Amino acid sequence: MTPESADSITLRIWDRSTVERTLENAVQQLAERTRTSKHSIVVTRSGPNTYTASLDPDSLTANENRPATPAATA
C-alpha cells in the first residue's frame, strides 16, 4: 500500500534492486500531480524500507518570493 496525500507519497520498498527506479517514478508522479519541478521534491528515508517523497518547503518559499517573469509580447 502507498499512503498518499496531495503533496507527498510514502512507499515501502522491499527489493533493494528497485529502490532507485521506484523512487524516481514516485518523484515524477508527484511532480506531475503538483505541477512542479522534480527539483522541488525531496525524498527522505522515514523508516526501514520506507521512503517519503514530498514537496520541499524551502523550494516552495523560494519560488513564492521570486518575481514573476514578464509575458513575452509578439
Foldseek 3Di string as FASTA:
>chain_A
DWDDDQFKIKDQADDPVCVVVVVVVRLVVNCVSVVHDSVQWDWDAPDHSMIMIGGNPVVVVVVVPDDDDDDDDD
